[in-house]
Amino acid sequence: MADKTTKQPRTRGRMKIGRVRIGFNVLVQVVLILFLMAMVNSFAFKHYARWDFSRDQKYALSGKTKRFLDTLKNKMRITVFFSPNTPITADVQNLLTEYQYAGKGKIDVEHIDPERNLSRAKELFDKYKVVTDESLLVLDYDGRNKTVKASEMADVDQSGMAFGEGPRVTAFKGEQAITSAMIDLVEGKKKTLGYVTGHKEPPLSEGTSPISVLKTFIENENIKF
């Protein structure tokens, strides 16, 4: 009887010690996990970067655009007058998010659906003297403003509409159009490059000719051609 009585306290003591060890190990693991999470959050805060995971990275801004945004001395306001039915609405929204991030607080964006917010749309249409029904952006900087139409930001194939298909975006050129307009607005003027015709030069209207390709490139560099 004495042996059994002696063994019971020892067994209980061992079980108690085991539970304490398990509890201590769990506590250590929890503290370690919290520490690692804090380290990850701290690193992410100090070294935060945005990544464009779209298939062709069409929302990733070029170095030229980022350098220009770094030179802005004042805030630029962008008012977006796009209806959800416009084929490039989502593209424009995603692209402007990148502008806001790269602008480091100097790009303010307001999205307005003219079909739903008629009073606000009319107020700003009157302010900026907008006279078109086409979806567009209005850039406002230091009291000056400039519009960028949806047709300037994308090439859209509408040939399938006759067969009940929706318009198809063949090329999204949002960054070129927006950055060019920004530079024009901030600098207040455009450089001009002339093209003389009358000596059998190819016309500018030919969409696939070398001169038309050159014209597009020059205009994207904010030079009037």
Protein backbone atom coordinates (compact mmCIF):
# COMPACT_ATOMS: atom_id res chain seq x y z
CA MET A 1 0.00 0.00 0.00
CA ALA A 2 2.87 2.35 0.84
CA ASP A 3 4.48 1.75 -2.56
CA LYS A 4 1.25 2.57 -4.40
CA THR A 5 0.76 5.73 -2.36
CA THR A 6 4.32 6.85 -3.10
CA LYS A 7 4.04 6.19 -6.84
CA GLN A 8 0.84 8.21 -7.31
CA PRO A 9 2.35 11.60 -6.30
CA ARG A 10 5.40 10.88 -8.45
CA THR A 11 3.20 10.08 -11.44
CA ARG A 12 1.11 13.17 -10.91
CA GLY A 13 4.26 15.26 -10.58
CA ARG A 14 5.64 13.91 -13.84
CA MET A 15 2.35 14.60 -15.62
CA LYS A 16 2.32 18.13 -14.26
CA ILE A 17 5.89 18.72 -15.40
CA GLY A 18 4.99 17.32 -18.85
CA ARG A 19 2.05 19.67 -19.17
CA VAL A 20 4.23 22.61 -18.14
CA ARG A 21 6.82 21.67 -20.76
CA ILE A 22 4.16 21.35 -23.47
CA GLY A 23 2.66 24.68 -22.49
CA PHE A 24 6.08 26.31 -22.49
CA ASN A 25 6.89 24.89 -25.94
CA VAL A 26 3.57 26.16 -27.31
CA LEU A 27 4.22 29.59 -25.81
CA VAL A 28 7.69 29.70 -27.36
CA GLN A 29 6.28 28.75 -30.77
CA VAL A 30 3.57 31.42 -30.56
CA VAL A 31 6.11 34.08 -29.57
CA LEU A 32 8.40 32.98 -32.41
CA ILE A 33 5.56 33.15 -34.95
CA LEU A 34 4.54 36.62 -33.76
CA PHE A 35 8.16 37.76 -33.97
CA LEU A 36 8.54 36.45 -37.51
CA MET A 37 5.26 38.09 -38.56
CA ALA A 38 6.43 41.41 -37.12
CA MET A 39 9.73 41.11 -38.99
CA VAL A 40 7.95 40.34 -42.28
CA ASN A 41 5.57 43.28 -41.85
CA SER A 42 8.45 45.60 -41.01
CA PHE A 43 10.41 44.48 -44.06
CA ALA A 44 7.35 44.79 -46.30
CA PHE A 45 6.68 48.32 -45.03
CA LYS A 46 10.26 49.45 -45.67
CA HIS A 47 10.67 47.68 -48.99
CA TYR A 48 7.16 47.83 -50.43
CA ALA A 49 6.91 47.40 -54.20
CA ARG A 50 4.04 46.99 -56.62
CA TRP A 51 4.06 44.18 -59.14
CA ASP A 52 2.06 44.02 -62.34
CA PHE A 53 0.93 40.40 -62.79
CA SER A 54 -1.10 41.00 -65.96
CA ARG A 55 -0.03 38.75 -68.81
CA ASP A 56 1.62 41.48 -70.89
CA GLN A 57 2.30 43.92 -68.01
CA LYS A 58 0.28 46.57 -69.81
CA TYR A 59 -0.20 48.55 -66.60
CA ALA A 60 3.50 48.77 -65.69
CA LEU A 61 4.61 52.39 -66.13
CA SER A 62 7.71 53.20 -68.16
CA GLY A 63 10.78 54.86 -66.69
CA LYS A 64 9.95 58.00 -68.66
CA THR A 65 6.55 58.32 -66.99
CA LYS A 66 7.96 57.68 -63.51
CA ARG A 67 10.71 60.27 -64.00
CA PHE A 68 8.15 62.83 -65.15
CA LEU A 69 5.90 62.17 -62.16
CA ASP A 70 8.89 62.75 -59.88
CA THR A 71 9.23 66.27 -61.31
CA LEU A 72 5.68 67.36 -60.43
CA LYS A 73 5.77 70.28 -58.02
CA ASN A 74 2.02 70.45 -57.37
CA LYS A 75 -0.89 68.04 -57.31
CA MET A 76 -2.57 66.96 -60.52
CA ARG A 77 -6.24 66.04 -60.46
CA ILE A 78 -7.60 63.46 -62.89
CA THR A 79 -11.37 63.21 -63.33
CA VAL A 80 -12.49 60.03 -65.07
CA PHE A 81 -15.75 60.21 -67.03
CA PHE A 82 -16.13 56.57 -68.05
CA SER A 83 -19.26 54.44 -68.16
CA PRO A 84 -18.94 50.73 -67.28
CA ASN A 85 -19.83 49.87 -70.89
CA THR A 86 -16.67 51.46 -72.28
CA PRO A 87 -14.35 48.58 -73.35
CA ILE A 88 -11.26 50.04 -71.64
CA THR A 89 -12.84 51.18 -68.36
CA ALA A 90 -11.09 48.51 -66.27
CA ASP A 91 -7.79 49.10 -68.09
CA VAL A 92 -7.94 52.83 -67.39
CA GLN A 93 -8.79 52.29 -63.73
CA ASN A 94 -5.89 49.87 -63.26
CA LEU A 95 -3.49 52.16 -65.09
CA LEU A 96 -4.46 55.21 -63.05
CA THR A 97 -3.86 53.23 -59.86
CA GLU A 98 -0.26 52.85 -61.03
CA TYR A 99 -0.06 56.59 -61.70
CA GLN A 100 -1.29 57.29 -58.17
CA TYR A 101 1.29 54.98 -56.65
CA ALA A 102 4.16 56.33 -58.75
CA GLY A 103 3.01 59.93 -58.15
CA LYS A 104 3.59 59.55 -54.39
CA GLY A 105 0.57 61.56 -53.34
CA LYS A 106 0.60 64.08 -56.19
CA ILE A 107 -2.04 62.38 -58.36
CA ASP A 108 -5.68 62.62 -57.24
CA VAL A 109 -8.24 60.57 -59.18
CA GLU A 110 -12.03 60.87 -59.13
CA HIS A 111 -14.14 58.33 -61.03
CA ILE A 112 -17.55 59.52 -62.23
CA ASP A 113 -20.12 57.44 -64.09
CA PRO A 114 -21.96 60.08 -66.17
CA GLU A 115 -24.98 57.78 -66.46
CA ARG A 116 -25.44 57.41 -62.69
CA ASN A 117 -24.08 60.65 -61.23
CA LEU A 118 -25.66 63.16 -63.58
CA SER A 119 -25.46 66.18 -61.28
CA ARG A 120 -21.74 65.77 -60.53
CA ALA A 121 -20.98 65.02 -64.18
CA LYS A 122 -22.87 68.12 -65.36
CA GLU A 123 -21.09 70.28 -62.77
CA LEU A 124 -17.67 69.21 -64.01
CA PHE A 125 -18.68 69.21 -67.69
CA ASP A 126 -19.61 72.86 -67.27
CA LYS A 127 -16.42 73.61 -65.36
CA TYR A 128 -14.15 72.01 -67.95
CA LYS A 129 -16.36 72.87 -70.95
CA VAL A 130 -16.74 69.25 -72.04
CA VAL A 131 -18.94 69.03 -75.14
CA THR A 132 -18.62 65.37 -76.12
CA ASP A 133 -20.46 62.21 -75.10
CA GLU A 134 -17.31 60.11 -75.49
CA SER A 135 -15.70 58.65 -72.38
CA LEU A 136 -12.68 60.72 -71.39
CA LEU A 137 -10.30 61.93 -68.69
CA VAL A 138 -9.81 65.54 -67.65
CA LEU A 139 -6.37 66.45 -66.30
CA ASP A 140 -6.27 69.55 -64.10
CA TYR A 141 -2.98 71.15 -63.05
CA ASP A 142 -2.38 74.65 -61.71
CA GLY A 143 -5.66 75.94 -63.13
CA ARG A 144 -5.05 74.51 -66.61
CA ASN A 145 -6.85 71.45 -67.93
CA LYS A 146 -6.62 69.01 -70.81
CA THR A 147 -8.82 66.14 -71.96
CA VAL A 148 -7.79 62.67 -73.07
CA LYS A 149 -10.49 60.78 -74.97
CA ALA A 150 -11.02 57.03 -74.83
CA SER A 151 -10.36 56.84 -78.58
CA GLU A 152 -6.86 58.24 -77.96
CA MET A 153 -6.08 55.51 -75.42
CA ALA A 154 -6.93 52.42 -77.44
CA ASP A 155 -7.47 50.93 -80.85
CA VAL A 156 -10.85 49.21 -80.88
CA ASP A 157 -12.12 46.76 -83.49
CA GLN A 158 -15.89 47.14 -83.90
CA SER A 159 -16.27 44.98 -86.99
CA GLY A 160 -17.91 42.20 -85.01
CA MET A 161 -20.77 44.37 -83.78
CA ALA A 162 -22.70 43.64 -86.98
CA PHE A 163 -22.74 39.99 -85.90
CA GLY A 164 -23.81 40.69 -82.32
CA GLU A 165 -20.30 40.74 -80.90
CA GLY A 166 -18.98 43.48 -78.65
CA PRO A 167 -16.11 45.83 -79.53
CA ARG A 168 -12.65 44.30 -79.15
CA VAL A 169 -9.62 46.25 -77.89
CA THR A 170 -6.70 45.51 -80.21
CA ALA A 171 -4.17 47.85 -78.59
CA PHE A 172 -4.23 49.71 -75.28
CA LYS A 173 -2.20 52.94 -75.44
CA GLY A 174 -3.32 54.55 -72.22
CA GLU A 175 0.09 55.41 -70.81
CA GLN A 176 1.34 57.09 -73.98
CA ALA A 177 -1.80 59.22 -74.27
CA ILE A 178 -2.00 60.17 -70.59
CA THR A 179 1.68 60.92 -70.05
CA SER A 180 1.85 62.95 -73.27
CA ALA A 181 -1.14 65.01 -72.12
CA MET A 182 0.40 65.47 -68.68
CA ILE A 183 3.66 66.77 -70.12
CA ASP A 184 1.79 69.09 -72.46
CA LEU A 185 -0.29 70.41 -69.55
CA VAL A 186 2.63 70.95 -67.17
CA GLU A 187 5.00 72.47 -69.72
CA GLY A 188 2.22 74.53 -71.28
CA LYS A 189 3.41 74.05 -74.84
CA LYS A 190 4.49 71.47 -77.38
CA LYS A 191 7.50 71.36 -79.63
CA THR A 192 6.53 71.22 -83.31
CA LEU A 193 8.06 69.16 -86.08
CA GLY A 194 6.98 69.89 -89.64
CA TYR A 195 6.48 67.49 -92.54
CA VAL A 196 6.61 68.91 -96.05
CA THR A 197 4.47 67.27 -98.76
CA GLY A 198 4.21 67.81 -102.49
CA HIS A 199 7.31 65.97 -103.62
CA LYS A 200 5.85 62.46 -103.77
CA GLU A 201 6.20 61.98 -100.02
CA PRO A 202 3.88 59.29 -98.57
CA PRO A 203 0.69 60.72 -97.03
CA LEU A 204 0.34 60.74 -93.25
CA SER A 205 -3.05 59.06 -93.47
CA GLU A 206 -1.58 55.69 -94.45
CA GLY A 207 -1.82 53.74 -91.20
CA THR A 208 0.95 51.22 -91.91
CA SER A 209 3.45 53.41 -93.75
CA PRO A 210 6.86 54.11 -92.15
CA ILE A 211 6.06 57.84 -91.94
CA SER A 212 2.81 57.17 -90.03
CA VAL A 213 4.70 54.94 -87.59
CA LEU A 214 7.26 57.72 -87.15
CA LYS A 215 4.43 60.22 -86.61
CA THR A 216 2.97 58.08 -83.82
CA PHE A 217 6.36 57.73 -82.15
CA ILE A 218 7.04 61.47 -82.31
CA GLU A 219 3.60 62.36 -80.92
CA ASN A 220 4.12 59.94 -78.04
CA GLU A 221 7.22 61.97 -77.18
CA ASN A 222 4.93 65.01 -76.76
CA ILE A 223 6.01 66.65 -80.04
CA LYS A 224 3.37 68.02 -82.39
CA PHE A 225 3.81 66.56 -85.87
